[in-house]
N, C-alpha and C. Protein backbone atom coordinates (compact mmCIF):
# COMPACT_ATOMS: atom_id res chain seq x y z
N MET A 1 205.47 40.39 -12.17
CA MET A 1 206.38 41.26 -11.60
C MET A 1 207.60 40.85 -11.01
N TYR A 2 208.65 41.56 -11.07
CA TYR A 2 209.86 41.08 -10.46
C TYR A 2 210.22 41.95 -9.28
N THR A 3 211.11 41.62 -8.26
CA THR A 3 211.45 42.58 -7.23
C THR A 3 212.86 43.29 -7.56
N LYS A 4 213.06 44.37 -7.06
CA LYS A 4 214.38 44.96 -7.37
C LYS A 4 215.69 44.27 -6.95
N ASN A 5 215.53 43.35 -6.01
CA ASN A 5 216.72 42.45 -5.55
C ASN A 5 216.97 41.52 -6.63
N SER A 6 216.22 41.18 -7.78
CA SER A 6 216.47 40.31 -8.73
C SER A 6 216.84 41.20 -9.99
N MET A 7 217.22 42.29 -9.82
CA MET A 7 217.76 43.22 -10.99
C MET A 7 218.97 43.76 -10.99
N ILE A 8 219.80 43.81 -12.10
CA ILE A 8 220.90 44.48 -12.27
C ILE A 8 220.64 45.86 -12.93
N PRO A 9 220.92 47.03 -12.27
CA PRO A 9 220.65 48.29 -13.05
C PRO A 9 221.62 48.31 -14.30
N ILE A 10 221.26 48.96 -15.32
CA ILE A 10 222.07 49.16 -16.80
C ILE A 10 222.49 50.69 -16.71
N ASP A 11 223.58 51.05 -17.15
CA ASP A 11 223.97 52.17 -17.06
C ASP A 11 223.45 53.04 -18.35
N GLU A 12 223.74 54.26 -18.41
CA GLU A 12 223.41 55.30 -19.34
C GLU A 12 223.69 54.72 -21.01
N THR A 13 225.03 54.09 -20.96
CA THR A 13 225.44 53.75 -22.28
C THR A 13 224.57 52.68 -22.80
N ALA A 14 224.33 51.57 -21.93
CA ALA A 14 223.58 50.46 -22.17
C ALA A 14 222.12 50.96 -22.48
N LEU A 15 221.55 52.19 -21.67
CA LEU A 15 220.20 52.59 -21.98
C LEU A 15 220.05 53.12 -23.41
N SER A 16 221.18 53.74 -24.10
CA SER A 16 221.04 54.14 -25.24
C SER A 16 221.32 53.40 -26.31
N ALA A 17 221.69 52.06 -26.10
CA ALA A 17 222.11 51.09 -27.07
C ALA A 17 220.69 50.37 -27.64
N VAL A 18 219.99 50.90 -28.28
CA VAL A 18 218.84 50.36 -29.03
C VAL A 18 218.91 49.88 -30.31
N VAL A 19 218.41 48.43 -30.42
CA VAL A 19 218.60 47.85 -31.81
C VAL A 19 217.12 47.38 -32.17
N GLY A 20 216.66 47.95 -33.12
CA GLY A 20 215.45 47.69 -33.66
C GLY A 20 214.33 48.13 -32.84
N GLY A 21 214.54 49.30 -32.02
CA GLY A 21 213.46 49.65 -31.14
C GLY A 21 213.54 48.80 -29.93
N ARG A 22 214.34 47.97 -29.47
CA ARG A 22 214.35 47.33 -28.25
C ARG A 22 215.65 47.55 -27.57
N ALA A 23 215.81 48.07 -26.41
CA ALA A 23 217.27 48.18 -25.69
C ALA A 23 217.80 46.82 -25.14
N ALA A 24 218.69 46.82 -24.69
CA ALA A 24 219.38 45.65 -24.26
C ALA A 24 218.87 45.16 -23.12
N ALA A 25 217.89 45.71 -22.47
CA ALA A 25 217.47 45.32 -21.10
C ALA A 25 216.32 44.54 -21.33
N GLU A 26 215.79 43.76 -20.24
CA GLU A 26 214.75 42.89 -20.17
C GLU A 26 213.53 43.50 -19.37
N LYS A 27 213.76 43.98 -18.53
CA LYS A 27 212.82 44.58 -17.51
C LYS A 27 212.80 46.12 -17.37
N VAL A 28 211.69 46.42 -16.90
CA VAL A 28 211.88 47.94 -16.54
C VAL A 28 211.03 48.14 -15.12
N GLN A 29 211.66 49.14 -14.38
CA GLN A 29 211.02 49.25 -13.05
C GLN A 29 210.46 50.75 -13.02
N ILE A 30 209.46 50.85 -12.29
CA ILE A 30 208.81 52.30 -12.28
C ILE A 30 209.64 52.85 -10.98
N VAL A 31 210.08 54.19 -11.23
CA VAL A 31 211.06 54.82 -10.27
C VAL A 31 210.49 56.14 -10.05
N SER A 32 209.90 56.83 -10.83
CA SER A 32 209.88 58.30 -10.51
C SER A 32 208.35 58.86 -10.62
N CYS A 33 207.66 58.07 -10.03
CA CYS A 33 206.04 58.62 -9.88
C CYS A 33 205.77 58.70 -8.24
N CYS A 34 204.91 59.57 -7.81
CA CYS A 34 204.62 59.81 -6.46
C CYS A 34 204.22 58.58 -5.94
N GLN A 35 203.03 57.93 -6.16
CA GLN A 35 202.51 56.56 -5.54
C GLN A 35 202.30 55.68 -6.81
N PHE A 36 201.87 55.86 -7.90
CA PHE A 36 201.67 55.20 -9.00
C PHE A 36 201.53 56.15 -10.40
N CYS A 37 201.82 55.46 -11.37
CA CYS A 37 201.63 56.16 -12.64
C CYS A 37 200.73 55.43 -13.49
N LYS A 38 200.19 56.11 -14.41
CA LYS A 38 199.09 55.47 -15.45
C LYS A 38 199.72 54.60 -16.45
N VAL A 39 199.20 53.50 -16.67
CA VAL A 39 199.57 52.55 -17.77
C VAL A 39 198.53 52.85 -18.72
N ARG A 40 198.99 53.28 -20.10
CA ARG A 40 197.91 53.61 -21.12
C ARG A 40 198.08 52.61 -22.24
N SER A 41 197.15 52.50 -23.00
CA SER A 41 196.75 51.68 -24.06
C SER A 41 197.66 51.93 -25.35
N SER A 42 198.10 53.14 -25.48
CA SER A 42 198.92 53.66 -26.56
C SER A 42 200.05 54.61 -26.16
N ALA A 43 200.86 54.91 -26.92
CA ALA A 43 201.99 55.84 -26.62
C ALA A 43 201.43 57.24 -26.64
N SER A 44 200.66 57.87 -25.75
CA SER A 44 200.14 59.08 -25.81
C SER A 44 199.38 59.46 -24.57
N SER A 45 199.56 60.72 -24.30
CA SER A 45 198.72 60.96 -22.94
C SER A 45 197.57 61.74 -23.36
N GLN A 46 196.99 61.70 -24.50
CA GLN A 46 195.88 62.15 -25.02
C GLN A 46 194.90 61.42 -24.59
N THR A 47 193.54 61.94 -24.86
CA THR A 47 192.26 61.12 -24.34
C THR A 47 192.21 59.83 -25.31
N ASP A 48 192.75 59.73 -26.45
CA ASP A 48 192.61 58.44 -26.99
C ASP A 48 193.36 57.33 -26.56
N ALA A 49 194.34 57.50 -25.75
CA ALA A 49 195.11 56.50 -25.09
C ALA A 49 194.42 56.28 -23.56
N ASN A 50 193.59 55.23 -23.64
CA ASN A 50 192.90 54.75 -22.50
C ASN A 50 193.77 54.36 -21.51
N VAL A 51 193.57 54.70 -20.10
CA VAL A 51 194.28 54.11 -19.08
C VAL A 51 193.79 52.66 -18.79
N ILE A 52 194.81 51.86 -18.90
CA ILE A 52 194.28 50.41 -18.69
C ILE A 52 194.82 50.01 -17.24
N GLY A 53 195.43 50.80 -16.70
CA GLY A 53 195.81 50.42 -15.07
C GLY A 53 196.76 51.45 -14.56
N LYS A 54 197.39 50.99 -13.36
CA LYS A 54 198.20 51.86 -12.68
C LYS A 54 199.55 51.05 -12.19
N ALA A 55 200.55 51.56 -12.19
CA ALA A 55 201.75 50.94 -11.91
C ALA A 55 202.51 51.78 -10.64
N ALA A 56 202.78 51.06 -9.66
CA ALA A 56 203.44 51.61 -8.44
C ALA A 56 204.63 51.76 -8.46
N THR A 57 205.36 52.77 -7.80
CA THR A 57 206.87 52.96 -7.63
C THR A 57 207.33 51.58 -7.06
N GLY A 58 208.31 51.25 -7.76
CA GLY A 58 208.91 50.10 -7.34
C GLY A 58 208.60 48.63 -8.11
N ASP A 59 207.53 48.82 -8.69
CA ASP A 59 206.80 47.54 -9.59
C ASP A 59 207.74 47.45 -10.73
N CYS A 60 207.86 46.31 -11.22
CA CYS A 60 208.76 45.92 -12.41
C CYS A 60 207.83 45.20 -13.38
N TYR A 61 208.28 45.37 -14.61
CA TYR A 61 207.56 44.78 -15.84
C TYR A 61 208.53 44.47 -16.89
N ASP A 62 208.05 43.34 -17.71
CA ASP A 62 208.75 42.94 -18.96
C ASP A 62 208.84 44.21 -19.75
N PHE A 63 209.90 44.58 -20.48
CA PHE A 63 210.21 45.77 -21.27
C PHE A 63 210.16 45.20 -22.75
N GLU A 64 209.17 45.68 -23.56
CA GLU A 64 209.10 45.55 -24.96
C GLU A 64 209.80 46.33 -25.96
N GLY A 65 210.07 47.66 -25.69
CA GLY A 65 210.85 48.51 -26.39
C GLY A 65 210.27 49.90 -26.17
N TRP A 66 210.82 50.89 -27.07
CA TRP A 66 210.58 52.46 -26.84
C TRP A 66 209.71 52.66 -28.08
N GLU A 67 208.81 53.79 -27.65
CA GLU A 67 208.08 54.32 -28.85
C GLU A 67 208.15 55.82 -28.37
N GLY A 68 209.00 56.54 -29.13
CA GLY A 68 209.13 58.05 -28.60
C GLY A 68 209.68 58.13 -27.13
N ASN A 69 208.83 58.80 -26.54
CA ASN A 69 209.14 59.26 -24.94
C ASN A 69 208.24 58.11 -24.28
N TRP A 70 207.89 56.94 -24.73
CA TRP A 70 207.29 55.94 -23.88
C TRP A 70 207.90 54.66 -23.96
N ALA A 71 207.78 53.99 -22.78
CA ALA A 71 208.34 52.58 -22.51
C ALA A 71 207.20 51.61 -22.86
N ARG A 72 207.12 50.77 -23.69
CA ARG A 72 206.27 49.76 -24.03
C ARG A 72 206.65 48.52 -23.29
N ILE A 73 205.46 48.14 -22.29
CA ILE A 73 205.79 47.10 -21.42
C ILE A 73 204.56 46.00 -21.35
N ARG A 74 205.06 44.82 -20.81
CA ARG A 74 203.87 43.77 -20.67
C ARG A 74 203.12 44.14 -19.37
N TYR A 75 201.82 44.41 -19.44
CA TYR A 75 201.17 44.70 -18.32
C TYR A 75 200.03 43.62 -18.20
N GLY A 76 200.31 42.77 -17.40
CA GLY A 76 199.27 41.45 -17.37
C GLY A 76 199.41 40.83 -18.61
N SER A 77 198.28 40.72 -19.33
CA SER A 77 198.10 40.03 -20.58
C SER A 77 198.11 41.17 -21.70
N HIS A 78 198.30 42.34 -21.34
CA HIS A 78 198.26 43.43 -22.10
C HIS A 78 199.63 44.23 -22.54
N THR A 79 199.78 44.87 -23.63
CA THR A 79 200.75 45.80 -24.11
C THR A 79 200.27 47.05 -23.28
N GLY A 80 201.22 47.68 -22.58
CA GLY A 80 200.90 49.02 -21.84
C GLY A 80 201.97 49.84 -22.30
N TYR A 81 201.76 51.18 -22.13
CA TYR A 81 202.87 52.30 -22.28
C TYR A 81 202.97 53.05 -21.05
N VAL A 82 204.11 53.40 -20.53
CA VAL A 82 204.43 54.31 -19.35
C VAL A 82 205.49 55.37 -19.90
N ARG A 83 205.30 56.49 -19.37
CA ARG A 83 206.29 57.71 -19.94
C ARG A 83 207.64 57.20 -19.51
N LYS A 84 208.53 57.51 -20.36
CA LYS A 84 210.05 57.19 -20.50
C LYS A 84 210.78 57.72 -19.07
N ASP A 85 210.31 58.79 -18.77
CA ASP A 85 211.18 59.49 -17.50
C ASP A 85 210.43 58.93 -16.11
N TYR A 86 209.38 57.95 -16.17
CA TYR A 86 209.03 57.16 -14.96
C TYR A 86 209.66 55.78 -14.75
N VAL A 87 210.59 55.53 -15.50
CA VAL A 87 211.09 54.20 -15.56
C VAL A 87 212.78 54.06 -15.56
N THR A 88 213.21 52.97 -15.22
CA THR A 88 214.59 52.59 -15.35
C THR A 88 214.58 51.07 -15.80
N LEU A 89 215.70 50.93 -16.60
CA LEU A 89 215.58 49.73 -17.20
C LEU A 89 216.78 48.77 -16.37
N PHE A 90 216.53 47.55 -16.28
CA PHE A 90 217.18 46.63 -15.63
C PHE A 90 217.28 45.32 -16.35
N ARG A 91 218.27 44.55 -16.12
CA ARG A 91 218.60 43.26 -16.76
C ARG A 91 218.39 42.24 -15.66
N SER A 92 217.66 41.15 -15.83
CA SER A 92 217.47 40.14 -14.80
C SER A 92 218.77 39.48 -14.55
N LYS A 93 218.95 39.13 -13.35
CA LYS A 93 220.36 38.34 -12.86
C LYS A 93 220.26 36.91 -13.30
């Protein structure tokens, strides 16, 4: 994980600049959940998308790309998915 102090926020223009499913950012920070949000095994909130962990507000993860309304992240040794509206993209300093 990374701390907010080692991140540079990316503006909305950069956020929408997606090439091949991957945005210009390298990290994603959890910003909009009460205490934590669920990290799922696939880009779905249905029961087929197992919860593989929890991400707390302020936690940062490697960003791997977008899948619809989901951010694909590196969660430990796994690929995980967090709802897009819970994250902000950052570029490492």
